[in-house]
C-alpha cells in the first residue's frame, strides 16, 4: 500500500522546483536581453534609408551580409568583417553609428 510522503517533504520539494524554474526563466531572460541592443528611438522620417544604410555598412568593411533587418529601433546585420570574422552588428537608424557589435 502506498504511503504518501510527509507534508514537510512535499513543501521542500516544491520550493526546490520553484527555485529551479525561476533560475531557468532568469537565464532565458538574460540571454534574450543580451541578444539585442538598446538604440535611441528616432521618428521614421529621420531614419537613414535602407539603401543608404547598406552603403554605409559596406563602406565600414562589412561584407557577405546574410541578413539586414530592422530590429526595434536599430538596423541589424549578420555578416562578416573585412577580416572574414562573423559579425552581428546593431546600428543607430538615424546616424548609422554602431550601437553594439559581436565579432567572432
PDB file of N, CA and C in Angstrom:
ATOM      1  N   UNK A   1       0.830  -1.166   0.000  1.00  0.00           N
ATOM      2  CA  UNK A   1       0.000   0.000   0.000  1.00  0.00           C
ATOM      3  C   UNK A   1       0.888   1.247   0.000  1.00  0.00           C
ATOM      4  N   UNK A   2       0.476   2.254  -0.769  1.00  0.00           N
ATOM      5  CA  UNK A   2       1.247   3.490  -0.904  1.00  0.00           C
ATOM      6  C   UNK A   2       1.004   4.403   0.293  1.00  0.00           C
ATOM      7  N   UNK A   3       2.117   4.877   0.853  1.00  0.00           N
ATOM      8  CA  UNK A   3       2.035   5.841   1.946  1.00  0.00           C
ATOM      9  C   UNK A   3       2.564   7.164   1.419  1.00  0.00           C
ATOM     10  N   UNK A   4       1.779   8.211   1.413  1.00  0.00           N
ATOM     11  CA  UNK A   4       2.259   9.493   0.887  1.00  0.00           C
ATOM     12  C   UNK A   4       3.381  10.041   1.752  1.00  0.00           C
ATOM     13  N   UNK A   5       4.295  10.794   1.114  1.00  0.00           N
ATOM     14  CA  UNK A   5       5.389  11.384   1.884  1.00  0.00           C
ATOM     15  C   UNK A   5       4.847  12.397   2.877  1.00  0.00           C
ATOM     16  N   UNK A   6       5.609  12.654   3.925  1.00  0.00           N
ATOM     17  CA  UNK A   6       5.167  13.637   4.915  1.00  0.00           C
ATOM     18  C   UNK A   6       5.029  15.020   4.272  1.00  0.00           C
ATOM     19  N   UNK A   7       4.139  15.860   4.782  1.00  0.00           N
ATOM     20  CA  UNK A   7       3.899  17.186   4.198  1.00  0.00           C
ATOM     21  C   UNK A   7       5.159  18.045   4.084  1.00  0.00           C
ATOM     22  N   UNK A   8       6.047  17.976   5.047  1.00  0.00           N
ATOM     23  CA  UNK A   8       7.276  18.790   5.010  1.00  0.00           C
ATOM     24  C   UNK A   8       8.131  18.417   3.805  1.00  0.00           C
ATOM     25  N   UNK A   9       8.192  17.142   3.440  1.00  0.00           N
ATOM     26  CA  UNK A   9       8.947  16.685   2.274  1.00  0.00           C
ATOM     27  C   UNK A   9       8.401  17.349   1.006  1.00  0.00           C
ATOM     28  N   UNK A  10       7.095  17.368   0.862  1.00  0.00           N
ATOM     29  CA  UNK A  10       6.469  17.959  -0.322  1.00  0.00           C
ATOM     30  C   UNK A  10       6.743  19.463  -0.376  1.00  0.00           C
ATOM     31  N   UNK A  11       6.735  20.118   0.770  1.00  0.00           N
ATOM     32  CA  UNK A  11       6.989  21.550   0.826  1.00  0.00           C
ATOM     33  C   UNK A  11       8.409  21.863   0.356  1.00  0.00           C
ATOM     34  N   UNK A  12       9.373  21.093   0.822  1.00  0.00           N
ATOM     35  CA  UNK A  12      10.775  21.289   0.422  1.00  0.00           C
ATOM     36  C   UNK A  12      10.938  21.002  -1.057  1.00  0.00           C
ATOM     37  N   UNK A  13      10.320  19.933  -1.531  1.00  0.00           N
ATOM     38  CA  UNK A  13      10.415  19.557  -2.942  1.00  0.00           C
ATOM     39  C   UNK A  13       9.843  20.667  -3.830  1.00  0.00           C
ATOM     40  N   UNK A  14       8.702  21.212  -3.472  1.00  0.00           N
ATOM     41  CA  UNK A  14       8.080  22.271  -4.259  1.00  0.00           C
ATOM     42  C   UNK A  14       8.940  23.533  -4.252  1.00  0.00           C
ATOM     43  N   UNK A  15       9.545  23.844  -3.115  1.00  0.00           N
ATOM     44  CA  UNK A  15      10.404  25.020  -3.021  1.00  0.00           C
ATOM     45  C   UNK A  15      11.604  24.871  -3.946  1.00  0.00           C
ATOM     46  N   UNK A  16      12.234  23.710  -3.958  1.00  0.00           N
ATOM     47  CA  UNK A  16      13.387  23.470  -4.833  1.00  0.00           C
ATOM     48  C   UNK A  16      12.976  23.534  -6.300  1.00  0.00           C
ATOM     49  N   UNK A  17      11.825  22.982  -6.625  1.00  0.00           N
ATOM     50  CA  UNK A  17      11.347  23.008  -8.004  1.00  0.00           C
ATOM     51  C   UNK A  17      11.055  24.442  -8.439  1.00  0.00           C
ATOM     52  N   UNK A  18      10.401  25.207  -7.596  1.00  0.00           N
ATOM     53  CA  UNK A  18      10.085  26.601  -7.909  1.00  0.00           C
ATOM     54  C   UNK A  18      11.365  27.398  -8.102  1.00  0.00           C
ATOM     55  N   UNK A  19      12.347  27.180  -7.250  1.00  0.00           N
ATOM     56  CA  UNK A  19      13.633  27.878  -7.352  1.00  0.00           C
ATOM     57  C   UNK A  19      14.335  27.525  -8.667  1.00  0.00           C
ATOM     58  N   UNK A  20      14.340  26.243  -9.015  1.00  0.00           N
ATOM     59  CA  UNK A  20      14.988  25.807 -10.255  1.00  0.00           C
ATOM     60  C   UNK A  20      14.304  26.429 -11.473  1.00  0.00           C
ATOM     61  N   UNK A  21      12.988  26.456 -11.474  1.00  0.00           N
ATOM     62  CA  UNK A  21      12.264  27.064 -12.590  1.00  0.00           C
ATOM     63  C   UNK A  21      12.532  28.560 -12.678  1.00  0.00           C
ATOM     64  N   UNK A  22      12.626  29.223 -11.548  1.00  0.00           N
ATOM     65  CA  UNK A  22      12.927  30.659 -11.538  1.00  0.00           C
ATOM     66  C   UNK A  22      14.317  30.919 -12.112  1.00  0.00           C
ATOM     67  N   UNK A  23      15.283  30.080 -11.771  1.00  0.00           N
ATOM     68  CA  UNK A  23      16.632  30.237 -12.320  1.00  0.00           C
ATOM     69  C   UNK A  23      16.641  30.043 -13.827  1.00  0.00           C
ATOM     70  N   UNK A  24      15.925  29.052 -14.311  1.00  0.00           N
ATOM     71  CA  UNK A  24      15.849  28.821 -15.756  1.00  0.00           C
ATOM     72  C   UNK A  24      15.215  30.007 -16.469  1.00  0.00           C
ATOM     73  N   UNK A  25      14.153  30.542 -15.903  1.00  0.00           N
ATOM     74  CA  UNK A  25      13.491  31.696 -16.508  1.00  0.00           C
ATOM     75  C   UNK A  25      14.428  32.896 -16.535  1.00  0.00           C
ATOM     76  N   UNK A  26      15.151  33.118 -15.456  1.00  0.00           N
ATOM     77  CA  UNK A  26      16.088  34.228 -15.386  1.00  0.00           C
ATOM     78  C   UNK A  26      17.198  34.063 -16.408  1.00  0.00           C
ATOM     79  N   UNK A  27      17.691  32.861 -16.571  1.00  0.00           N
ATOM     80  CA  UNK A  27      18.740  32.603 -17.562  1.00  0.00           C
ATOM     81  C   UNK A  27      18.224  32.904 -18.964  1.00  0.00           C
ATOM     82  N   UNK A  28      16.997  32.533 -19.240  1.00  0.00           N
ATOM     83  CA  UNK A  28      16.401  32.817 -20.541  1.00  0.00           C
ATOM     84  C   UNK A  28      16.239  34.301 -20.785  1.00  0.00           C
ATOM     85  N   UNK A  29      15.829  35.041 -19.776  1.00  0.00           N
ATOM     86  CA  UNK A  29      15.676  36.485 -19.919  1.00  0.00           C
ATOM     87  C   UNK A  29      17.020  37.160 -20.131  1.00  0.00           C
ATOM     88  N   UNK A  30      18.028  36.709 -19.409  1.00  0.00           N
ATOM     89  CA  UNK A  30      19.365  37.282 -19.556  1.00  0.00           C
ATOM     90  C   UNK A  30      19.888  37.048 -20.957  1.00  0.00           C
ATOM     91  N   UNK A  31      19.690  35.845 -21.471  1.00  0.00           N
ATOM     92  CA  UNK A  31      20.149  35.535 -22.823  1.00  0.00           C
ATOM     93  C   UNK A  31      19.414  36.383 -23.848  1.00  0.00           C
ATOM     94  N   UNK A  32      18.112  36.529 -23.691  1.00  0.00           N
ATOM     95  CA  UNK A  32      17.332  37.335 -24.625  1.00  0.00           C
ATOM     96  C   UNK A  32      17.749  38.794 -24.564  1.00  0.00           C
ATOM     97  N   UNK A  33      18.008  39.290 -23.379  1.00  0.00           N
ATOM     98  CA  UNK A  33      18.401  40.686 -23.231  1.00  0.00           C
ATOM     99  C   UNK A  33      19.769  40.943 -23.836  1.00  0.00           C
ATOM    100  N   UNK A  34      20.662  39.991 -23.736  1.00  0.00           N
ATOM    101  CA  UNK A  34      21.994  40.197 -24.276  1.00  0.00           C
ATOM    102  C   UNK A  34      22.011  40.082 -25.787  1.00  0.00           C
ATOM    103  N   UNK A  35      20.979  39.512 -26.388  1.00  0.00           N
ATOM    104  CA  UNK A  35      20.934  39.319 -27.820  1.00  0.00           C
ATOM    105  C   UNK A  35      20.605  40.590 -28.572  1.00  0.00           C
ATOM    106  N   UNK A  36      19.965  41.558 -27.961  1.00  0.00           N
ATOM    107  CA  UNK A  36      19.584  42.762 -28.663  1.00  0.00           C
ATOM    108  C   UNK A  36      20.326  43.968 -28.104  1.00  0.00           C
ATOM    109  N   UNK A  37      20.145  45.093 -28.799  1.00  0.00           N
ATOM    110  CA  UNK A  37      20.808  46.327 -28.383  1.00  0.00           C
ATOM    111  C   UNK A  37      19.762  47.384 -28.058  1.00  0.00           C
ATOM    112  N   UNK A  38      20.161  48.371 -27.287  1.00  0.00           N
ATOM    113  CA  UNK A  38      19.279  49.496 -26.978  1.00  0.00           C
ATOM    114  C   UNK A  38      19.655  50.673 -27.862  1.00  0.00           C
ATOM    115  N   UNK A  39      18.840  50.904 -28.857  1.00  0.00           N
ATOM    116  CA  UNK A  39      19.071  52.025 -29.759  1.00  0.00           C
ATOM    117  C   UNK A  39      18.139  53.160 -29.406  1.00  0.00           C
ATOM    118  N   UNK A  40      18.564  54.360 -29.704  1.00  0.00           N
ATOM    119  CA  UNK A  40      17.733  55.536 -29.480  1.00  0.00           C
ATOM    120  C   UNK A  40      16.588  55.520 -30.481  1.00  0.00           C
ATOM    121  N   UNK A  41      15.390  55.801 -30.004  1.00  0.00           N
ATOM    122  CA  UNK A  41      14.227  55.858 -30.887  1.00  0.00           C
ATOM    123  C   UNK A  41      14.225  57.195 -31.625  1.00  0.00           C
ATOM    124  N   UNK A  42      14.110  57.122 -32.940  1.00  0.00           N
ATOM    125  CA  UNK A  42      14.015  58.314 -33.792  1.00  0.00           C
ATOM    126  C   UNK A  42      12.744  58.193 -34.622  1.00  0.00           C
ATOM    127  N   UNK A  43      12.131  59.322 -34.979  1.00  0.00           N
ATOM    128  CA  UNK A  43      10.989  59.240 -35.890  1.00  0.00           C
ATOM    129  C   UNK A  43      11.428  58.602 -37.209  1.00  0.00           C
ATOM    130  N   UNK A  44      10.575  57.778 -37.791  1.00  0.00           N
ATOM    131  CA  UNK A  44      10.929  57.064 -39.032  1.00  0.00           C
ATOM    132  C   UNK A  44      11.371  58.019 -40.132  1.00  0.00           C
ATOM    133  N   UNK A  45      10.833  59.226 -40.143  1.00  0.00           N
ATOM    134  CA  UNK A  45      11.207  60.198 -41.170  1.00  0.00           C
ATOM    135  C   UNK A  45      12.689  60.592 -41.079  1.00  0.00           C
ATOM    136  N   UNK A  46      13.300  60.402 -39.922  1.00  0.00           N
ATOM    137  CA  UNK A  46      14.707  60.764 -39.717  1.00  0.00           C
ATOM    138  C   UNK A  46      15.662  59.602 -39.953  1.00  0.00           C
ATOM    139  N   UNK A  47      15.135  58.406 -40.159  1.00  0.00           N
ATOM    140  CA  UNK A  47      15.992  57.239 -40.360  1.00  0.00           C
ATOM    141  C   UNK A  47      16.728  57.333 -41.687  1.00  0.00           C
ATOM    142  N   UNK A  48      17.958  56.786 -41.696  1.00  0.00           N
ATOM    143  CA  UNK A  48      18.641  56.577 -42.972  1.00  0.00           C
ATOM    144  C   UNK A  48      17.837  55.544 -43.753  1.00  0.00           C
ATOM    145  N   UNK A  49      17.759  55.713 -45.052  1.00  0.00           N
ATOM    146  CA  UNK A  49      17.052  54.708 -45.846  1.00  0.00           C
ATOM    147  C   UNK A  49      17.835  53.398 -45.798  1.00  0.00           C
ATOM    148  N   UNK A  50      17.171  52.297 -46.095  1.00  0.00           N
ATOM    149  CA  UNK A  50      17.870  51.009 -46.101  1.00  0.00           C
ATOM    150  C   UNK A  50      19.017  51.022 -47.096  1.00  0.00           C
ATOM    151  N   UNK A  51      18.805  51.648 -48.252  1.00  0.00           N
ATOM    152  CA  UNK A  51      19.865  51.712 -49.262  1.00  0.00           C
ATOM    153  C   UNK A  51      21.073  52.488 -48.744  1.00  0.00           C
ATOM    154  N   UNK A  52      20.811  53.638 -48.090  1.00  0.00           N
ATOM    155  CA  UNK A  52      21.902  54.449 -47.533  1.00  0.00           C
ATOM    156  C   UNK A  52      22.616  53.686 -46.426  1.00  0.00           C
ATOM    157  N   UNK A  53      21.862  52.974 -45.607  1.00  0.00           N
ATOM    158  CA  UNK A  53      22.470  52.213 -44.514  1.00  0.00           C
ATOM    159  C   UNK A  53      23.296  51.055 -45.057  1.00  0.00           C
ATOM    160  N   UNK A  54      22.782  50.372 -46.067  1.00  0.00           N
ATOM    161  CA  UNK A  54      23.546  49.271 -46.678  1.00  0.00           C
ATOM    162  C   UNK A  54      24.853  49.793 -47.268  1.00  0.00           C
ATOM    163  N   UNK A  55      24.813  50.970 -47.886  1.00  0.00           N
ATOM    164  CA  UNK A  55      26.037  51.567 -48.440  1.00  0.00           C
ATOM    165  C   UNK A  55      27.022  51.904 -47.321  1.00  0.00           C
ATOM    166  N   UNK A  56      26.510  52.430 -46.212  1.00  0.00           N
ATOM    167  CA  UNK A  56      27.371  52.778 -45.077  1.00  0.00           C
ATOM    168  C   UNK A  56      27.999  51.521 -44.469  1.00  0.00           C
ATOM    169  N   UNK A  57      27.200  50.456 -44.344  1.00  0.00           N
ATOM    170  CA  UNK A  57      27.694  49.184 -43.815  1.00  0.00           C
ATOM    171  C   UNK A  57      28.831  48.653 -44.698  1.00  0.00           C
ATOM    172  N   UNK A  58      28.645  48.720 -46.003  1.00  0.00           N
ATOM    173  CA  UNK A  58      29.680  48.262 -46.939  1.00  0.00           C
ATOM    174  C   UNK A  58      30.935  49.131 -46.823  1.00  0.00           C
ATOM    175  N   UNK A  59      30.752  50.449 -46.665  1.00  0.00           N
ATOM    176  CA  UNK A  59      31.899  51.352 -46.518  1.00  0.00           C
ATOM    177  C   UNK A  59      32.665  51.080 -45.227  1.00  0.00           C
ATOM    178  N   UNK A  60      31.977  50.556 -44.214  1.00  0.00           N
ATOM    179  CA  UNK A  60      32.640  50.198 -42.954  1.00  0.00           C
ATOM    180  C   UNK A  60      33.433  48.900 -43.089  1.00  0.00           C
ATOM    181  N   UNK A  61      33.266  48.206 -44.195  1.00  0.00           N
ATOM    182  CA  UNK A  61      34.038  46.987 -44.414  1.00  0.00           C
ATOM    183  C   UNK A  61      33.284  45.698 -44.156  1.00  0.00           C
ATOM    184  N   UNK A  62      32.016  45.784 -43.778  1.00  0.00           N
ATOM    185  CA  UNK A  62      31.240  44.557 -43.576  1.00  0.00           C
ATOM    186  C   UNK A  62      30.865  44.000 -44.947  1.00  0.00           C
ATOM    187  N   UNK A  63      30.913  42.690 -45.058  1.00  0.00           N
ATOM    188  CA  UNK A  63      30.665  42.049 -46.343  1.00  0.00           C
ATOM    189  C   UNK A  63      29.898  40.750 -46.171  1.00  0.00           C
ATOM    190  N   UNK A  64      29.495  40.187 -47.285  1.00  0.00           N
ATOM    191  CA  UNK A  64      28.731  38.930 -47.278  1.00  0.00           C
ATOM    192  C   UNK A  64      27.597  39.017 -46.260  1.00  0.00           C
ATOM    193  N   UNK A  65      26.823  40.086 -46.329  1.00  0.00           N
ATOM    194  CA  UNK A  65      25.729  40.309 -45.387  1.00  0.00           C
ATOM    195  C   UNK A  65      24.630  39.289 -45.661  1.00  0.00           C
ATOM    196  N   UNK A  66      24.421  38.394 -44.715  1.00  0.00           N
ATOM    197  CA  UNK A  66      23.398  37.365 -44.863  1.00  0.00           C
ATOM    198  C   UNK A  66      22.032  37.902 -44.471  1.00  0.00           C
ATOM    199  N   UNK A  67      21.990  38.800 -43.479  1.00  0.00           N
ATOM    200  CA  UNK A  67      20.733  39.355 -43.000  1.00  0.00           C
ATOM    201  C   UNK A  67      20.913  40.846 -42.757  1.00  0.00           C
ATOM    202  N   UNK A  68      19.966  41.625 -43.269  1.00  0.00           N
ATOM    203  CA  UNK A  68      19.889  43.052 -42.979  1.00  0.00           C
ATOM    204  C   UNK A  68      18.441  43.293 -42.596  1.00  0.00           C
ATOM    205  N   UNK A  69      18.210  43.745 -41.359  1.00  0.00           N
ATOM    206  CA  UNK A  69      16.825  43.924 -40.926  1.00  0.00           C
ATOM    207  C   UNK A  69      16.720  45.059 -39.929  1.00  0.00           C
ATOM    208  N   UNK A  70      15.482  45.447 -39.682  1.00  0.00           N
ATOM    209  CA  UNK A  70      15.186  46.411 -38.639  1.00  0.00           C
ATOM    210  C   UNK A  70      14.830  45.621 -37.394  1.00  0.00           C
ATOM    211  N   UNK A  71      15.493  45.934 -36.298  1.00  0.00           N
ATOM    212  CA  UNK A  71      15.249  45.252 -35.026  1.00  0.00           C
ATOM    213  C   UNK A  71      14.923  46.313 -33.991  1.00  0.00           C
ATOM    214  N   UNK A  72      13.635  46.520 -33.744  1.00  0.00           N
ATOM    215  CA  UNK A  72      13.233  47.578 -32.816  1.00  0.00           C
ATOM    216  C   UNK A  72      13.596  48.932 -33.382  1.00  0.00           C
ATOM    217  N   UNK A  73      14.446  49.676 -32.693  1.00  0.00           N
ATOM    218  CA  UNK A  73      14.902  50.983 -33.157  1.00  0.00           C
ATOM    219  C   UNK A  73      16.304  50.920 -33.744  1.00  0.00           C
ATOM    220  N   UNK A  74      16.729  49.735 -34.161  1.00  0.00           N
ATOM    221  CA  UNK A  74      18.073  49.541 -34.714  1.00  0.00           C
ATOM    222  C   UNK A  74      17.992  48.935 -36.116  1.00  0.00           C
ATOM    223  N   UNK A  75      19.024  49.188 -36.902  1.00  0.00           N
ATOM    224  CA  UNK A  75      19.280  48.359 -38.072  1.00  0.00           C
ATOM    225  C   UNK A  75      20.210  47.262 -37.564  1.00  0.00           C
ATOM    226  N   UNK A  76      20.036  46.058 -38.051  1.00  0.00           N
ATOM    227  CA  UNK A  76      20.837  44.925 -37.581  1.00  0.00           C
ATOM    228  C   UNK A  76      21.337  44.135 -38.782  1.00  0.00           C
ATOM    229  N   UNK A  77      22.595  43.735 -38.724  1.00  0.00           N
ATOM    230  CA  UNK A  77      23.140  42.889 -39.791  1.00  0.00           C
ATOM    231  C   UNK A  77      23.788  41.644 -39.200  1.00  0.00           C
ATOM    232  N   UNK A  78      23.807  40.606 -40.009  1.00  0.00           N
ATOM    233  CA  UNK A  78      24.591  39.410 -39.766  1.00  0.00           C
ATOM    234  C   UNK A  78      25.425  39.224 -41.012  1.00  0.00           C
ATOM    235  N   UNK A  79      26.731  39.235 -40.849  1.00  0.00           N
ATOM    236  CA  UNK A  79      27.626  39.104 -41.994  1.00  0.00           C
ATOM    237  C   UNK A  79      29.037  38.861 -41.513  1.00  0.00           C
ATOM    238  N   UNK A  80      29.992  39.422 -42.241  1.00  0.00           N
ATOM    239  CA  UNK A  80      31.395  39.205 -41.928  1.00  0.00           C
ATOM    240  C   UNK A  80      32.166  40.517 -41.995  1.00  0.00           C
ATOM    241  N   UNK A  81      33.226  40.598 -41.170  1.00  0.00           N
ATOM    242  CA  UNK A  81      34.108  41.758 -41.205  1.00  0.00           C
ATOM    243  C   UNK A  81      35.025  41.629 -42.414  1.00  0.00           C
ATOM    244  N   UNK A  82      35.786  42.686 -42.695  1.00  0.00           N
ATOM    245  CA  UNK A  82      36.728  42.615 -43.821  1.00  0.00           C
ATOM    246  C   UNK A  82      37.806  41.565 -43.571  1.00  0.00           C
ATOM    247  N   UNK A  83      37.995  41.160 -42.289  1.00  0.00           N
ATOM    248  CA  UNK A  83      38.965  40.122 -41.942  1.00  0.00           C
ATOM    249  C   UNK A  83      38.359  38.730 -42.014  1.00  0.00           C
ATOM    250  N   UNK A  84      37.081  38.646 -42.412  1.00  0.00           N
ATOM    251  CA  UNK A  84      36.420  37.352 -42.548  1.00  0.00           C
ATOM    252  C   UNK A  84      35.839  36.797 -41.256  1.00  0.00           C
ATOM    253  N   UNK A  85      35.758  37.625 -40.213  1.00  0.00           N
ATOM    254  CA  UNK A  85      35.183  37.169 -38.946  1.00  0.00           C
ATOM    255  C   UNK A  85      33.677  37.383 -38.970  1.00  0.00           C
ATOM    256  N   UNK A  86      32.937  36.428 -38.396  1.00  0.00           N
ATOM    257  CA  UNK A  86      31.481  36.525 -38.324  1.00  0.00           C
ATOM    258  C   UNK A  86      31.093  37.701 -37.427  1.00  0.00           C
ATOM    259  N   UNK A  87      30.099  38.482 -37.870  1.00  0.00           N
ATOM    260  CA  UNK A  87      29.708  39.680 -37.122  1.00  0.00           C
ATOM    261  C   UNK A  87      28.197  39.816 -37.034  1.00  0.00           C
ATOM    262  N   UNK A  88      27.743  40.224 -35.852  1.00  0.00           N
ATOM    263  CA  UNK A  88      26.362  40.639 -35.622  1.00  0.00           C
ATOM    264  C   UNK A  88      26.475  42.069 -35.115  1.00  0.00           C
ATOM    265  N   UNK A  89      25.901  43.014 -35.858  1.00  0.00           N
ATOM    266  CA  UNK A  89      26.106  44.422 -35.538  1.00  0.00           C
ATOM    267  C   UNK A  89      24.771  45.164 -35.556  1.00  0.00           C
ATOM    268  N   UNK A  90      24.581  46.030 -34.545  1.00  0.00           N
ATOM    269  CA  UNK A  90      23.394  46.876 -34.438  1.00  0.00           C
ATOM    270  C   UNK A  90      23.820  48.318 -34.687  1.00  0.00           C
ATOM    271  N   UNK A  91      23.023  49.022 -35.491  1.00  0.00           N
ATOM    272  CA  UNK A  91      23.339  50.398 -35.859  1.00  0.00           C
ATOM    273  C   UNK A  91      22.200  51.329 -35.479  1.00  0.00           C
ATOM    274  N   UNK A  92      22.554  52.574 -35.122  1.00  0.00           N
ATOM    275  CA  UNK A  92      21.556  53.618 -34.900  1.00  0.00           C
ATOM    276  C   UNK A  92      20.889  53.911 -36.238  1.00  0.00           C
ATOM    277  N   UNK A  93      19.572  53.996 -36.247  1.00  0.00           N
ATOM    278  CA  UNK A  93      18.842  54.165 -37.503  1.00  0.00           C
ATOM    279  C   UNK A  93      18.978  55.567 -38.106  1.00  0.00           C
ATOM    280  N   UNK A  94      19.328  56.554 -37.299  1.00  0.00           N
ATOM    281  CA  UNK A  94      19.454  57.936 -37.792  1.00  0.00           C
ATOM    282  C   UNK A  94      20.878  58.259 -38.220  1.00  0.00           C
ATOM    283  N   UNK A  95      21.852  57.854 -37.395  1.00  0.00           N
ATOM    284  CA  UNK A  95      23.247  58.221 -37.669  1.00  0.00           C
ATOM    285  C   UNK A  95      24.033  57.117 -38.366  1.00  0.00           C
ATOM    286  N   UNK A  96      23.582  55.891 -38.204  1.00  0.00           N
ATOM    287  CA  UNK A  96      24.320  54.762 -38.768  1.00  0.00           C
ATOM    288  C   UNK A  96      25.491  54.333 -37.905  1.00  0.00           C
ATOM    289  N   UNK A  97      25.636  54.941 -36.731  1.00  0.00           N
ATOM    290  CA  UNK A  97      26.727  54.568 -35.826  1.00  0.00           C
ATOM    291  C   UNK A  97      26.499  53.185 -35.248  1.00  0.00           C
ATOM    292  N   UNK A  98      27.587  52.469 -34.972  1.00  0.00           N
ATOM    293  CA  UNK A  98      27.492  51.154 -34.345  1.00  0.00           C
ATOM    294  C   UNK A  98      27.058  51.336 -32.890  1.00  0.00           C
ATOM    295  N   UNK A  99      26.012  50.608 -32.503  1.00  0.00           N
ATOM    296  CA  UNK A  99      25.497  50.655 -31.137  1.00  0.00           C
ATOM    297  C   UNK A  99      26.018  49.458 -30.356  1.00  0.00           C
ATOM    298  N   UNK A 100      26.041  48.309 -31.014  1.00  0.00           N
ATOM    299  CA  UNK A 100      26.510  47.077 -30.367  1.00  0.00           C
ATOM    300  C   UNK A 100      27.083  46.195 -31.456  1.00  0.00           C
ATOM    301  N   UNK A 101      28.155  45.490 -31.115  1.00  0.00           N
ATOM    302  CA  UNK A 101      28.806  44.630 -32.094  1.00  0.00           C
ATOM    303  C   UNK A 101      29.290  43.354 -31.407  1.00  0.00           C
ATOM    304  N   UNK A 102      29.090  42.237 -32.082  1.00  0.00           N
ATOM    305  CA  UNK A 102      29.607  40.973 -31.625  1.00  0.00           C
ATOM    306  C   UNK A 102      30.354  40.330 -32.776  1.00  0.00           C
ATOM    307  N   UNK A 103      31.662  40.182 -32.628  1.00  0.00           N
ATOM    308  CA  UNK A 103      32.502  39.649 -33.696  1.00  0.00           C
ATOM    309  C   UNK A 103      33.188  38.393 -33.183  1.00  0.00           C
ATOM    310  N   UNK A 104      33.077  37.313 -33.947  1.00  0.00           N
ATOM    311  CA  UNK A 104      33.704  36.031 -33.555  1.00  0.00           C
ATOM    312  C   UNK A 104      34.889  35.741 -34.441  1.00  0.00           C
TER     313      UNK A 104
END
